[in-house]
Amino acid sequence: MLQHTEIAKKFYKSKAWRLCRESYIPTVYGLCEHCEEPGYILDHIEEININNIIDPNITLNHDNLQFLCTSCHNKKTFGSTEVTRDDVMFDSNGNLIPKK
């Protein structure tokens, strides 16, 4: 998993990523592709890293994306089935933020 370096932050704030995200989520009706609950995080199946972040075939390819709910994303990414705290959540960039 690519840590939230300046390169990663720049990518996730890019117009290309925003457009890719906006075009992908409607194709799965906004539902988690694993459990069909409402999705939250657009995830790279082949995780991006410092070596492939400039490769649009990895970063912007719909075939390498999946829309996941927080629980399914955490299970895939961190090996945990549930969020262990209910007062925080991840934003669309993967940053931990207080739950509203």
N, C-alpha and C. Protein backbone atom coordinates (compact mmCIF):
# COMPACT_ATOMS: atom_id res chain seq x y z
N MET A 1 0.85 -1.18 0.00
CA MET A 1 0.00 0.00 0.00
C MET A 1 0.89 1.23 0.00
N LEU A 2 0.57 2.17 -0.86
CA LEU A 2 1.33 3.41 -0.95
C LEU A 2 0.98 4.30 0.23
N GLN A 3 1.96 4.64 1.00
CA GLN A 3 1.73 5.54 2.12
C GLN A 3 1.35 6.91 1.57
N HIS A 4 0.78 7.72 2.40
CA HIS A 4 0.29 9.02 1.95
C HIS A 4 1.41 10.04 1.85
N THR A 5 2.27 9.81 0.85
CA THR A 5 3.38 10.70 0.55
C THR A 5 2.85 11.86 -0.28
N GLU A 6 3.71 12.80 -0.53
CA GLU A 6 3.32 13.94 -1.37
C GLU A 6 2.92 13.47 -2.77
N ILE A 7 3.60 12.46 -3.29
CA ILE A 7 3.25 11.93 -4.62
C ILE A 7 1.85 11.35 -4.60
N ALA A 8 1.53 10.58 -3.56
CA ALA A 8 0.19 9.98 -3.44
C ALA A 8 -0.87 11.06 -3.28
N LYS A 9 -0.61 12.04 -2.44
CA LYS A 9 -1.57 13.12 -2.23
C LYS A 9 -1.82 13.86 -3.53
N LYS A 10 -0.76 14.11 -4.29
CA LYS A 10 -0.91 14.79 -5.58
C LYS A 10 -1.78 13.96 -6.53
N PHE A 11 -1.54 12.65 -6.58
CA PHE A 11 -2.33 11.79 -7.45
C PHE A 11 -3.80 11.82 -7.06
N TYR A 12 -4.10 11.63 -5.77
CA TYR A 12 -5.49 11.55 -5.33
C TYR A 12 -6.23 12.88 -5.41
N LYS A 13 -5.51 13.97 -5.58
CA LYS A 13 -6.14 15.28 -5.77
C LYS A 13 -6.19 15.67 -7.25
N SER A 14 -5.65 14.81 -8.12
CA SER A 14 -5.57 15.16 -9.54
C SER A 14 -6.93 15.11 -10.22
N LYS A 15 -7.05 15.88 -11.28
CA LYS A 15 -8.28 15.89 -12.07
C LYS A 15 -8.51 14.51 -12.71
N ALA A 16 -7.43 13.88 -13.15
CA ALA A 16 -7.56 12.55 -13.78
C ALA A 16 -8.17 11.55 -12.80
N TRP A 17 -7.73 11.55 -11.53
CA TRP A 17 -8.30 10.62 -10.55
C TRP A 17 -9.74 10.97 -10.25
N ARG A 18 -10.04 12.24 -10.08
CA ARG A 18 -11.42 12.65 -9.78
C ARG A 18 -12.36 12.22 -10.90
N LEU A 19 -11.95 12.41 -12.15
CA LEU A 19 -12.77 12.01 -13.29
C LEU A 19 -12.92 10.49 -13.36
N CYS A 20 -11.84 9.78 -13.10
CA CYS A 20 -11.89 8.32 -13.10
C CYS A 20 -12.86 7.83 -12.03
N ARG A 21 -12.75 8.39 -10.85
CA ARG A 21 -13.62 8.02 -9.73
C ARG A 21 -15.08 8.31 -10.06
N GLU A 22 -15.33 9.50 -10.59
CA GLU A 22 -16.70 9.91 -10.93
C GLU A 22 -17.30 9.02 -12.02
N SER A 23 -16.47 8.52 -12.92
CA SER A 23 -16.98 7.69 -14.01
C SER A 23 -17.14 6.23 -13.58
N TYR A 24 -16.38 5.78 -12.58
CA TYR A 24 -16.43 4.38 -12.17
C TYR A 24 -17.59 4.08 -11.23
N ILE A 25 -17.77 4.87 -10.20
CA ILE A 25 -18.75 4.56 -9.15
C ILE A 25 -20.16 4.32 -9.70
N PRO A 26 -20.65 5.10 -10.65
CA PRO A 26 -21.99 4.81 -11.19
C PRO A 26 -22.10 3.46 -11.89
N THR A 27 -20.99 2.92 -12.37
CA THR A 27 -21.05 1.64 -13.07
C THR A 27 -21.39 0.49 -12.12
N VAL A 28 -21.18 0.70 -10.82
CA VAL A 28 -21.52 -0.33 -9.82
C VAL A 28 -22.65 0.15 -8.92
N TYR A 29 -23.33 1.20 -9.40
CA TYR A 29 -24.51 1.74 -8.71
C TYR A 29 -24.21 2.20 -7.28
N GLY A 30 -22.95 2.56 -7.03
CA GLY A 30 -22.57 3.06 -5.72
C GLY A 30 -22.56 2.01 -4.62
N LEU A 31 -22.58 0.73 -5.02
CA LEU A 31 -22.62 -0.35 -4.03
C LEU A 31 -21.26 -1.04 -3.92
N CYS A 32 -20.98 -1.51 -2.71
CA CYS A 32 -19.76 -2.28 -2.46
C CYS A 32 -19.77 -3.52 -3.36
N GLU A 33 -18.69 -3.75 -4.04
CA GLU A 33 -18.62 -4.88 -4.96
C GLU A 33 -18.41 -6.22 -4.26
N HIS A 34 -18.20 -6.19 -2.95
CA HIS A 34 -18.06 -7.45 -2.21
C HIS A 34 -19.35 -7.82 -1.48
N CYS A 35 -20.00 -6.85 -0.83
CA CYS A 35 -21.16 -7.20 0.00
C CYS A 35 -22.45 -6.50 -0.43
N GLU A 36 -22.37 -5.61 -1.40
CA GLU A 36 -23.52 -4.88 -1.95
C GLU A 36 -24.17 -3.88 -0.99
N GLU A 37 -23.46 -3.54 0.09
CA GLU A 37 -23.87 -2.42 0.94
C GLU A 37 -23.42 -1.14 0.24
N PRO A 38 -23.86 0.03 0.69
CA PRO A 38 -23.37 1.26 0.07
C PRO A 38 -21.84 1.34 0.14
N GLY A 39 -21.24 1.66 -1.00
CA GLY A 39 -19.78 1.75 -1.07
C GLY A 39 -19.28 3.07 -0.54
N TYR A 40 -17.98 3.11 -0.30
CA TYR A 40 -17.39 4.33 0.25
C TYR A 40 -16.01 4.64 -0.33
N ILE A 41 -15.21 3.61 -0.61
CA ILE A 41 -13.82 3.82 -1.02
C ILE A 41 -13.57 3.15 -2.36
N LEU A 42 -13.05 3.92 -3.32
CA LEU A 42 -12.63 3.34 -4.59
C LEU A 42 -11.22 2.82 -4.41
N ASP A 43 -11.07 1.52 -4.52
CA ASP A 43 -9.85 0.82 -4.16
C ASP A 43 -9.15 0.28 -5.40
N HIS A 44 -7.82 0.32 -5.39
CA HIS A 44 -7.03 -0.30 -6.45
C HIS A 44 -6.85 -1.77 -6.11
N ILE A 45 -7.22 -2.66 -7.02
CA ILE A 45 -7.06 -4.10 -6.81
C ILE A 45 -5.57 -4.42 -6.72
N GLU A 46 -4.82 -4.03 -7.75
CA GLU A 46 -3.35 -4.07 -7.65
C GLU A 46 -2.96 -2.75 -7.02
N GLU A 47 -2.51 -2.81 -5.79
CA GLU A 47 -2.25 -1.59 -5.05
C GLU A 47 -1.19 -0.75 -5.74
N ILE A 48 -1.39 0.55 -5.67
CA ILE A 48 -0.40 1.44 -6.26
C ILE A 48 0.77 1.60 -5.30
N ASN A 49 1.93 1.85 -5.89
CA ASN A 49 3.14 2.04 -5.11
C ASN A 49 4.01 3.07 -5.80
N ILE A 50 5.13 3.35 -5.23
CA ILE A 50 6.01 4.40 -5.75
C ILE A 50 6.47 4.09 -7.18
N ASN A 51 6.51 2.81 -7.55
CA ASN A 51 6.98 2.43 -8.88
C ASN A 51 5.90 2.48 -9.95
N ASN A 52 4.62 2.31 -9.57
CA ASN A 52 3.58 2.26 -10.60
C ASN A 52 2.58 3.43 -10.53
N ILE A 53 2.79 4.37 -9.64
CA ILE A 53 1.84 5.46 -9.49
C ILE A 53 1.75 6.33 -10.75
N ILE A 54 2.76 6.30 -11.58
CA ILE A 54 2.72 7.09 -12.82
C ILE A 54 2.17 6.30 -14.00
N ASP A 55 1.78 5.05 -13.77
CA ASP A 55 1.27 4.19 -14.83
C ASP A 55 -0.27 4.22 -14.84
N PRO A 56 -0.87 4.91 -15.82
CA PRO A 56 -2.33 5.00 -15.86
C PRO A 56 -3.02 3.66 -16.07
N ASN A 57 -2.28 2.65 -16.59
CA ASN A 57 -2.87 1.32 -16.72
C ASN A 57 -3.11 0.67 -15.36
N ILE A 58 -2.44 1.16 -14.35
CA ILE A 58 -2.64 0.69 -12.98
C ILE A 58 -3.55 1.66 -12.22
N THR A 59 -3.24 2.94 -12.28
CA THR A 59 -3.91 3.92 -11.43
C THR A 59 -5.28 4.36 -11.92
N LEU A 60 -5.50 4.39 -13.22
CA LEU A 60 -6.74 4.94 -13.78
C LEU A 60 -7.54 3.92 -14.59
N ASN A 61 -7.18 2.68 -14.53
CA ASN A 61 -7.81 1.62 -15.31
C ASN A 61 -8.99 1.05 -14.53
N HIS A 62 -10.19 1.15 -15.09
CA HIS A 62 -11.38 0.62 -14.42
C HIS A 62 -11.25 -0.87 -14.09
N ASP A 63 -10.47 -1.61 -14.88
CA ASP A 63 -10.29 -3.03 -14.61
C ASP A 63 -9.46 -3.28 -13.34
N ASN A 64 -8.79 -2.24 -12.84
CA ASN A 64 -7.99 -2.37 -11.62
C ASN A 64 -8.66 -1.68 -10.43
N LEU A 65 -9.94 -1.40 -10.55
CA LEU A 65 -10.64 -0.69 -9.47
C LEU A 65 -11.79 -1.53 -8.93
N GLN A 66 -12.11 -1.27 -7.68
CA GLN A 66 -13.31 -1.85 -7.07
C GLN A 66 -13.82 -0.86 -6.03
N PHE A 67 -15.13 -0.72 -5.96
CA PHE A 67 -15.75 0.18 -5.00
C PHE A 67 -16.15 -0.65 -3.80
N LEU A 68 -15.68 -0.24 -2.62
CA LEU A 68 -15.88 -1.03 -1.41
C LEU A 68 -16.47 -0.20 -0.29
N CYS A 69 -17.21 -0.86 0.59
CA CYS A 69 -17.63 -0.21 1.83
C CYS A 69 -16.41 -0.17 2.75
N THR A 70 -16.51 0.56 3.84
CA THR A 70 -15.39 0.68 4.75
C THR A 70 -14.96 -0.67 5.31
N SER A 71 -15.93 -1.51 5.72
CA SER A 71 -15.58 -2.81 6.30
C SER A 71 -14.85 -3.70 5.31
N CYS A 72 -15.34 -3.79 4.09
CA CYS A 72 -14.68 -4.63 3.09
C CYS A 72 -13.31 -4.08 2.71
N HIS A 73 -13.19 -2.76 2.63
CA HIS A 73 -11.90 -2.15 2.34
C HIS A 73 -10.90 -2.45 3.45
N ASN A 74 -11.32 -2.31 4.70
CA ASN A 74 -10.42 -2.58 5.81
C ASN A 74 -10.00 -4.04 5.86
N LYS A 75 -10.94 -4.92 5.55
CA LYS A 75 -10.62 -6.35 5.53
C LYS A 75 -9.57 -6.63 4.47
N LYS A 76 -9.75 -6.08 3.28
CA LYS A 76 -8.79 -6.29 2.19
C LYS A 76 -7.44 -5.65 2.51
N THR A 77 -7.48 -4.42 2.96
CA THR A 77 -6.25 -3.65 3.12
C THR A 77 -5.52 -3.95 4.43
N PHE A 78 -6.26 -4.09 5.50
CA PHE A 78 -5.64 -4.22 6.81
C PHE A 78 -5.84 -5.59 7.45
N GLY A 79 -6.63 -6.47 6.81
CA GLY A 79 -6.86 -7.79 7.34
C GLY A 79 -7.84 -7.83 8.50
N SER A 80 -8.60 -6.77 8.67
CA SER A 80 -9.58 -6.71 9.75
C SER A 80 -10.97 -6.69 9.15
N THR A 81 -11.90 -7.40 9.74
CA THR A 81 -13.24 -7.46 9.19
C THR A 81 -14.10 -6.29 9.61
N GLU A 82 -13.78 -5.67 10.71
CA GLU A 82 -14.60 -4.57 11.21
C GLU A 82 -13.72 -3.41 11.66
N VAL A 83 -14.27 -2.23 11.61
CA VAL A 83 -13.61 -1.07 12.18
C VAL A 83 -13.64 -1.25 13.69
N THR A 84 -12.53 -1.03 14.35
CA THR A 84 -12.49 -1.28 15.79
C THR A 84 -12.97 -0.09 16.61
N ARG A 85 -13.13 1.06 15.99
CA ARG A 85 -13.67 2.23 16.68
C ARG A 85 -14.84 2.75 15.88
N ASP A 86 -15.86 3.21 16.56
CA ASP A 86 -17.01 3.73 15.83
C ASP A 86 -17.07 5.25 15.84
N ASP A 87 -16.04 5.92 16.38
CA ASP A 87 -16.04 7.39 16.41
C ASP A 87 -15.16 7.99 15.33
N VAL A 88 -14.51 7.14 14.51
CA VAL A 88 -13.67 7.62 13.42
C VAL A 88 -13.97 6.82 12.16
N MET A 89 -13.53 7.37 11.02
CA MET A 89 -13.72 6.70 9.74
C MET A 89 -12.63 7.17 8.80
N PHE A 90 -12.56 6.56 7.62
CA PHE A 90 -11.61 6.98 6.60
C PHE A 90 -12.31 7.86 5.58
N ASP A 91 -11.66 8.96 5.17
CA ASP A 91 -12.22 9.77 4.10
C ASP A 91 -11.87 9.14 2.76
N SER A 92 -12.25 9.76 1.66
CA SER A 92 -12.04 9.17 0.34
C SER A 92 -10.57 9.08 -0.04
N ASN A 93 -9.71 9.76 0.72
CA ASN A 93 -8.27 9.68 0.48
C ASN A 93 -7.59 8.71 1.42
N GLY A 94 -8.37 8.03 2.27
CA GLY A 94 -7.80 7.08 3.21
C GLY A 94 -7.30 7.68 4.50
N ASN A 95 -7.59 8.97 4.72
CA ASN A 95 -7.17 9.61 5.96
C ASN A 95 -8.19 9.32 7.06
N LEU A 96 -7.71 9.11 8.29
CA LEU A 96 -8.59 8.89 9.43
C LEU A 96 -9.16 10.22 9.89
N ILE A 97 -10.48 10.29 9.97
CA ILE A 97 -11.16 11.51 10.37
C ILE A 97 -12.24 11.19 11.39
N PRO A 98 -12.65 12.18 12.20
CA PRO A 98 -13.76 11.94 13.15
C PRO A 98 -15.05 11.68 12.40
N LYS A 99 -15.84 10.77 12.90
CA LYS A 99 -17.15 10.48 12.32
C LYS A 99 -18.13 11.57 12.73
N LYS A 100 -18.93 12.01 11.80
CA LYS A 100 -19.89 13.09 12.08
C LYS A 100 -21.14 12.53 12.68
